[in-house]
Amino acid sequence: KTGEIYGKRKIDVEPVFGFLKANLGFTRMSLRGKDKVKNE
């Protein structure tokens, strides 16, 4: 079950952070929550 969840995370979530790191120079978010991060 855990492997299944992790497998989906790699497809859905990781490319977004890779894009932010590569193209925008982000290394980490300084805020938490969807709305705050969206604004950041």
Protein backbone atom coordinates (compact mmCIF):
# COMPACT_ATOMS: atom_id res chain seq x y z
CA LYS A 1 0.00 0.00 0.00
CA THR A 2 2.75 2.47 0.94
CA GLY A 3 4.67 1.69 -2.24
CA GLU A 4 1.56 2.39 -4.28
CA ILE A 5 1.11 5.81 -2.63
CA TYR A 6 4.79 6.66 -3.08
CA GLY A 7 4.63 5.65 -6.73
CA LYS A 8 1.79 8.10 -7.33
CA ARG A 9 3.68 10.85 -5.49
CA LYS A 10 6.64 10.54 -7.84
CA ILE A 11 4.36 11.04 -10.84
CA ASP A 12 2.05 13.75 -9.46
CA VAL A 13 4.14 15.83 -7.04
CA GLU A 14 7.85 15.60 -7.77
CA PRO A 15 7.81 17.13 -11.30
CA VAL A 16 6.24 20.31 -9.87
CA PHE A 17 9.06 20.77 -7.37
CA GLY A 18 11.63 19.89 -10.03
CA PHE A 19 10.24 22.67 -12.24
CA LEU A 20 10.36 25.19 -9.40
CA LYS A 21 13.94 24.27 -8.53
CA ALA A 22 15.23 24.22 -12.10
CA ASN A 23 13.45 27.21 -13.62
CA LEU A 24 12.71 29.54 -10.72
CA GLY A 25 15.64 28.79 -8.42
CA PHE A 26 13.45 27.72 -5.49
CA THR A 27 15.03 25.38 -2.99
CA ARG A 28 12.21 25.33 -0.45
CA MET A 29 8.94 27.03 0.39
CA SER A 30 8.95 29.37 3.37
CA LEU A 31 5.20 29.09 3.97
CA ARG A 32 2.73 26.27 4.55
CA GLY A 33 -0.72 25.68 3.11
CA LYS A 34 -1.98 25.75 -0.46
CA ASP A 35 -3.16 29.36 -0.48
CA LYS A 36 0.02 30.75 1.08
CA VAL A 37 2.32 28.72 -1.16
CA LYS A 38 0.26 29.69 -4.21
CA ASN A 39 0.87 33.35 -3.37
CA GLU A 40 4.56 32.73 -2.77
